[in-house]
Protein backbone atom coordinates (compact mmCIF):
# COMPACT_ATOMS: atom_id res chain seq x y z
CA MET A 1 -29.14 5.57 1.92
CA ASN A 2 -29.46 8.42 -0.62
CA LYS A 3 -25.72 9.05 -0.35
CA LYS A 4 -25.03 5.37 -1.02
CA LEU A 5 -27.30 5.36 -4.10
CA ALA A 6 -25.67 8.53 -5.37
CA ALA A 7 -22.21 6.98 -5.00
CA VAL A 8 -23.26 3.84 -6.87
CA ALA A 9 -24.93 5.90 -9.60
CA PHE A 10 -21.76 7.98 -10.04
CA VAL A 11 -19.63 4.84 -10.46
CA LEU A 12 -22.07 3.34 -13.00
CA ILE A 13 -22.24 6.57 -15.03
CA PHE A 14 -18.46 6.95 -14.97
CA PHE A 15 -17.79 3.43 -16.21
CA SER A 16 -20.57 3.50 -18.81
CA THR A 17 -18.96 6.64 -20.25
CA VAL A 18 -15.48 5.16 -20.18
CA PHE A 19 -16.48 1.83 -21.68
CA ALA A 20 -18.25 3.55 -24.56
CA GLN A 21 -14.83 4.55 -25.89
CA GLU A 22 -13.01 2.25 -28.27
CA LYS A 23 -10.45 0.55 -26.05
CA SER A 24 -9.95 -3.07 -25.05
CA PHE A 25 -12.18 -4.15 -22.17
CA SER A 26 -12.37 -7.46 -20.34
CA ILE A 27 -13.67 -8.95 -17.11
CA SER A 28 -12.27 -12.00 -15.32
CA LEU A 29 -14.09 -13.53 -12.36
CA LEU A 30 -12.58 -14.80 -9.09
CA PRO A 31 -8.98 -13.67 -9.73
CA GLU A 32 -6.19 -15.32 -7.73
CA LYS A 33 -3.82 -12.35 -7.59
CA LYS A 34 -4.56 -9.19 -5.63
CA LEU A 35 -3.79 -5.68 -6.89
CA TYR A 36 -3.75 -4.00 -3.46
CA PRO A 37 -1.54 -5.42 -0.70
CA TYR A 38 -2.72 -6.24 2.81
CA TYR A 39 -1.84 -3.90 5.62
CA GLY A 40 -0.01 -6.57 7.60
CA ALA A 41 0.30 -4.57 10.83
CA ASP A 42 -3.36 -3.47 10.80
CA MET A 43 -4.97 -5.33 13.69
CA ARG A 44 -8.40 -4.85 12.07
CA ALA A 45 -7.47 -6.10 8.59
CA HIS A 46 -9.91 -8.50 6.89
CA ARG A 47 -8.50 -11.99 7.56
CA ILE A 48 -8.50 -14.95 9.91
CA ALA A 49 -6.48 -13.91 12.94
CA PHE A 50 -5.43 -15.26 16.30
CA SER A 51 -3.16 -13.45 18.76
CA LYS A 52 -2.29 -13.85 22.44
CA LEU A 53 -1.59 -11.03 24.89
CA PHE A 54 1.58 -11.61 26.89
CA LYS A 55 0.51 -9.72 30.02
CA ASN A 56 -2.68 -11.66 30.80
CA ASN A 57 -4.88 -14.56 29.74
CA GLU A 58 -6.69 -12.73 26.92
CA VAL A 59 -6.70 -13.66 23.25
CA ILE A 60 -7.92 -11.77 20.17
CA GLY A 61 -9.59 -13.59 17.31
CA GLY A 62 -10.72 -12.55 13.85
CA LEU A 63 -12.87 -14.57 11.46
CA GLY A 64 -13.32 -13.32 7.91
CA GLY A 65 -11.45 -12.30 4.83
CA LEU A 66 -11.22 -10.22 1.68
CA PHE A 67 -12.69 -11.96 -1.36
CA HIS A 68 -11.73 -10.91 -4.89
CA VAL A 69 -14.83 -10.99 -7.08
CA ALA A 70 -13.65 -9.67 -10.46
CA ASN A 71 -10.83 -7.98 -12.34
CA ILE A 72 -11.74 -5.34 -14.90
CA SER A 73 -9.19 -4.43 -17.55
CA TYR A 74 -9.55 -1.36 -19.73
CA GLY A 75 -6.75 -0.18 -21.97
CA ASN A 76 -3.59 0.04 -19.85
CA TYR A 77 -5.49 0.05 -16.55
CA GLU A 78 -6.70 -2.77 -14.37
CA GLY A 79 -9.21 -2.67 -11.54
CA GLN A 80 -10.31 -5.22 -8.98
CA PHE A 81 -13.64 -5.44 -7.16
CA SER A 82 -13.64 -7.13 -3.75
CA VAL A 83 -15.99 -7.81 -0.86
CA ALA A 84 -14.61 -8.04 2.68
CA THR A 85 -16.13 -8.91 6.03
CA THR A 86 -14.61 -9.85 9.40
CA LEU A 87 -15.72 -10.35 12.99
CA TYR A 88 -13.16 -9.45 15.66
CA THR A 89 -13.55 -10.51 19.27
CA GLN A 90 -11.46 -10.42 22.44
CA LEU A 91 -11.75 -13.19 25.01
CA LYS A 92 -10.65 -13.88 28.54
CA VAL A 93 -9.59 -17.49 28.99
CA PRO A 94 -9.53 -18.36 32.68
CA TYR A 95 -9.38 -21.98 33.85
CA ARG A 96 -12.06 -24.13 32.13
CA GLN A 97 -14.09 -21.17 30.86
CA THR A 98 -13.93 -18.75 27.94
CA GLN A 99 -15.45 -15.31 28.46
CA VAL A 100 -16.18 -13.17 25.38
CA ILE A 101 -15.64 -9.44 26.00
CA ASN A 102 -16.64 -7.84 22.70
CA HIS A 103 -17.58 -8.56 19.11
CA ASP A 104 -16.81 -5.99 16.38
CA PHE A 105 -18.22 -6.39 12.87
CA PHE A 106 -16.56 -4.94 9.74
CA VAL A 107 -17.89 -4.96 6.14
CA ASP A 108 -16.27 -3.28 3.10
CA LEU A 109 -16.98 -3.00 -0.62
CA LEU A 110 -13.72 -2.17 -2.40
CA PHE A 111 -12.54 -1.24 -5.87
CA ASP A 112 -8.78 -1.09 -6.47
CA ILE A 113 -7.17 0.55 -9.49
CA GLU A 114 -3.57 -0.15 -10.48
CA LEU A 115 -2.19 3.08 -11.95
CA ASN A 116 1.26 1.60 -12.63
CA PRO A 117 3.41 -1.20 -11.10
CA ALA A 118 4.31 1.05 -8.15
CA SER A 119 0.99 2.78 -7.40
CA VAL A 120 -2.46 1.45 -6.52
CA VAL A 121 -5.56 3.40 -5.47
CA ARG A 122 -8.41 1.99 -3.38
CA LEU A 123 -11.98 3.32 -3.41
CA GLY A 124 -14.47 1.87 -1.00
CA MET A 125 -17.34 2.14 1.40
CA GLY A 126 -17.84 0.25 4.62
CA HIS A 127 -19.57 -0.26 7.93
CA THR A 128 -18.56 -1.26 11.43
CA SER A 129 -20.64 -1.76 14.56
CA GLN A 130 -18.92 -2.73 17.80
CA HIS A 131 -20.56 -4.34 20.82
CA LEU A 132 -20.10 -5.80 24.28
CA SER A 133 -20.99 -9.49 24.51
CA ASP A 134 -23.42 -11.24 26.85
CA ASP A 135 -20.45 -12.56 28.87
CA ALA A 136 -19.29 -8.98 29.47
CA PHE A 137 -22.52 -8.33 31.38
CA GLU A 138 -23.33 -11.73 32.85
CA VAL A 139 -19.85 -12.96 33.81
CA LEU A 140 -17.41 -10.04 33.73
CA GLY A 141 -19.63 -7.49 35.48
CA PHE A 142 -19.91 -4.73 32.86
CA THR A 143 -22.97 -2.55 33.46
CA LYS A 144 -23.18 -0.26 30.42
CA SER A 145 -22.38 -0.53 26.71
CA VAL A 146 -21.75 2.08 24.02
CA ASP A 147 -23.88 2.32 20.86
CA TYR A 148 -20.93 2.49 18.46
CA VAL A 149 -21.44 2.67 14.66
CA ARG A 150 -19.35 3.96 11.75
CA ASP A 151 -20.44 4.09 8.08
CA TYR A 152 -17.71 5.50 5.88
CA TYR A 153 -16.22 6.13 2.47
CA ARG A 154 -12.54 5.42 2.06
CA LEU A 155 -9.72 6.44 -0.25
CA GLY A 156 -6.50 4.48 -0.01
CA TYR A 157 -3.15 4.72 -1.76
CA VAL A 158 -0.18 2.34 -1.81
CA TYR A 159 3.26 3.14 -3.19
CA ARG A 160 5.74 0.31 -3.65
CA THR A 161 9.42 1.18 -3.51
CA ASP A 162 12.66 -0.80 -3.54
CA LEU A 163 14.23 1.82 -1.26
CA ILE A 164 12.56 0.19 1.74
CA LYS A 165 11.97 -3.23 0.12
CA GLY A 166 8.25 -2.85 0.58
CA PHE A 167 5.53 -0.24 0.42
CA VAL A 168 3.97 2.70 2.24
CA TYR A 169 0.27 3.44 2.43
CA THR A 170 -2.29 5.97 3.51
CA ASP A 171 -6.03 5.50 3.94
CA LEU A 172 -8.45 8.38 4.44
CA ASN A 173 -11.90 7.60 5.85
CA TYR A 174 -14.83 10.01 5.74
CA ILE A 175 -17.36 8.76 8.27
CA TYR A 176 -20.73 9.98 6.98
CA ASN A 177 -22.69 8.21 9.72
CA PHE A 178 -20.83 8.21 13.05
CA LYS A 179 -22.60 7.34 16.28
CA ILE A 180 -21.23 6.93 19.79
CA ASN A 181 -24.54 6.93 21.68
CA GLU A 182 -25.38 10.09 19.72
CA LYS A 183 -24.53 11.52 16.31
CA ILE A 184 -20.86 12.54 15.96
CA LEU A 185 -19.93 15.41 13.64
CA GLN A 186 -16.18 14.78 13.52
CA PRO A 187 -15.99 12.53 10.48
CA TRP A 188 -12.30 11.97 9.68
CA MET A 189 -10.05 9.00 10.32
CA ILE A 190 -6.51 8.86 8.91
CA GLN A 191 -4.52 5.65 8.59
CA LEU A 192 -0.81 5.53 7.74
CA GLY A 193 1.63 2.67 7.60
CA THR A 194 4.28 0.60 5.92
CA GLU A 195 5.53 -2.91 5.35
CA ALA A 196 9.26 -2.79 4.81
CA LEU A 197 12.61 -4.61 4.84
CA ASN A 198 11.15 -7.68 3.17
CA THR A 199 14.05 -10.15 3.31
CA PRO A 200 13.75 -13.69 1.86
CA ILE A 201 14.89 -16.41 4.27
CA SER A 202 13.84 -19.38 2.12
CA GLU A 203 11.96 -20.05 -1.12
CA HIS A 204 8.56 -19.16 0.38
CA LEU A 205 9.39 -17.40 3.67
CA THR A 206 10.06 -13.67 4.04
CA ALA A 207 10.92 -11.65 7.15
CA TYR A 208 9.58 -8.09 7.38
CA VAL A 209 8.68 -5.20 9.68
CA GLY A 210 5.37 -3.32 9.66
CA VAL A 211 3.86 -0.20 11.18
CA ASP A 212 0.21 0.86 11.28
CA ILE A 213 -1.12 4.12 12.75
CA LYS A 214 -4.77 5.21 12.93
CA MET A 215 -5.92 8.69 14.03
CA LEU A 216 -9.54 9.66 14.75
CA GLN A 217 -10.76 13.25 14.72
CA ILE A 218 -13.12 12.50 17.63
CA LEU A 219 -9.99 11.85 19.75
CA ASN A 220 -8.22 15.01 18.52
CA PHE A 221 -6.26 12.71 16.18
CA ALA A 222 -4.68 10.77 19.04
CA SER A 223 -3.34 7.55 17.53
CA SER A 224 -3.69 3.79 17.80
CA GLN A 225 -0.32 2.29 16.88
CA THR A 226 0.93 -1.18 15.98
CA TYR A 227 4.58 -2.10 15.41
CA GLN A 228 5.08 -5.55 13.92
CA LEU A 229 8.00 -7.93 13.36
CA GLY A 230 6.96 -10.93 11.34
CA ILE A 231 7.59 -13.81 8.98
CA LYS A 232 5.20 -14.55 6.12
CA TYR A 233 4.63 -17.54 3.88
CA ARG A 234 3.13 -16.74 0.50
CA ASN A 235 1.58 -18.99 -2.11
CA GLU A 236 3.24 -17.69 -5.25
CA HIS A 237 0.34 -18.79 -7.47
CA SER A 238 -2.45 -16.99 -5.60
CA ASP A 239 -0.97 -14.36 -3.23
CA ARG A 240 -2.53 -16.15 -0.27
CA THR A 241 -0.38 -15.43 2.77
CA MET A 242 0.16 -16.80 6.27
CA ARG A 243 1.93 -14.59 8.82
CA PHE A 244 3.49 -15.25 12.20
CA ALA A 245 4.19 -11.97 13.96
CA LEU A 246 5.15 -10.23 17.20
CA ASN A 247 3.18 -7.01 17.73
CA TYR A 248 3.48 -4.06 20.07
CA GLN A 249 0.22 -2.09 20.30
CA ALA A 250 0.10 1.34 21.95
CA GLY A 251 -2.13 4.41 22.09
CA LYS A 252 -5.91 4.39 21.93
CA ASP A 253 -7.78 1.09 22.15
CA GLU A 254 -9.22 0.14 18.72
CA ARG A 255 -12.30 -1.52 20.23
CA GLY A 256 -15.24 0.85 19.98
CA GLN A 257 -16.52 -0.05 23.44
CA PHE A 258 -13.20 1.08 24.92
CA TYR A 259 -12.32 3.92 22.54
CA LEU A 260 -11.37 6.32 25.36
CA GLN A 261 -8.95 3.86 26.98
CA ASN A 262 -5.27 3.45 26.20
CA SER A 263 -3.72 0.10 25.29
CA ASN A 264 -0.17 -1.05 25.86
CA TRP A 265 -0.02 -4.64 24.68
CA LEU A 266 2.60 -7.06 23.44
CA THR A 267 1.02 -9.84 21.41
CA VAL A 268 2.09 -12.79 19.29
CA GLY A 269 -0.18 -14.07 16.56
CA MET A 270 -0.91 -15.96 13.36
CA TYR A 271 -2.78 -14.37 10.46
CA PHE A 272 -4.26 -15.97 7.31
CA GLU A 273 -4.98 -13.73 4.33
CA PHE A 274 -7.03 -15.08 1.41
């Protein structure tokens, strides 16, 4: 908690110093446009999500979103404060019964700063705790769960470029409180990815490809990978987006309860980003 208070105090002191200078300053609430793009191929992005595994009767659902609270303009710079929260769960759907395997909670406080039209920086802090459900024990026969928690600071960077008709990104997480049954002292997670080859196919529809790779120090930086081929519909007035995508997921399972397992899944899904 002291680290969180120190981080908040630093931000307040920084902005109070900056705003004391004589430059134009304004705040607008509930902005429609986002400064920082979604990581479309990130299977743990903050959004409403539904995807179906091809190889069995399991589905993956996400309920949440990223909510823009305020834009802050100062001189030639613009920042955006957002709050994000999502619950992800994976379900088995046998005949006449749905069995919930896990439920993973994610919460983030984010501040994005547009340096120029091509570059955006993201500062943030967040929390995730990931659990087995009652059905996993009572119906599916699991006997033991993992106490899995991550509290982290994050630094993200997006660079937009016409060379690939999209953008590349990197996200560095420092996990200051990491617990897998006991305290973990390997705090780094690296995320890399891209959304590229954006090709209009109608007035509102765009085809694209995406890649997302996450690497955890606790796993000797072994990766969780997603390769995505999709079509997106965007509301030009608000940046709200709906995606339909085919995904190939490989490498380490992103669910905390199964972090030592490997996944090799082909999924198809719909994703709603607000």
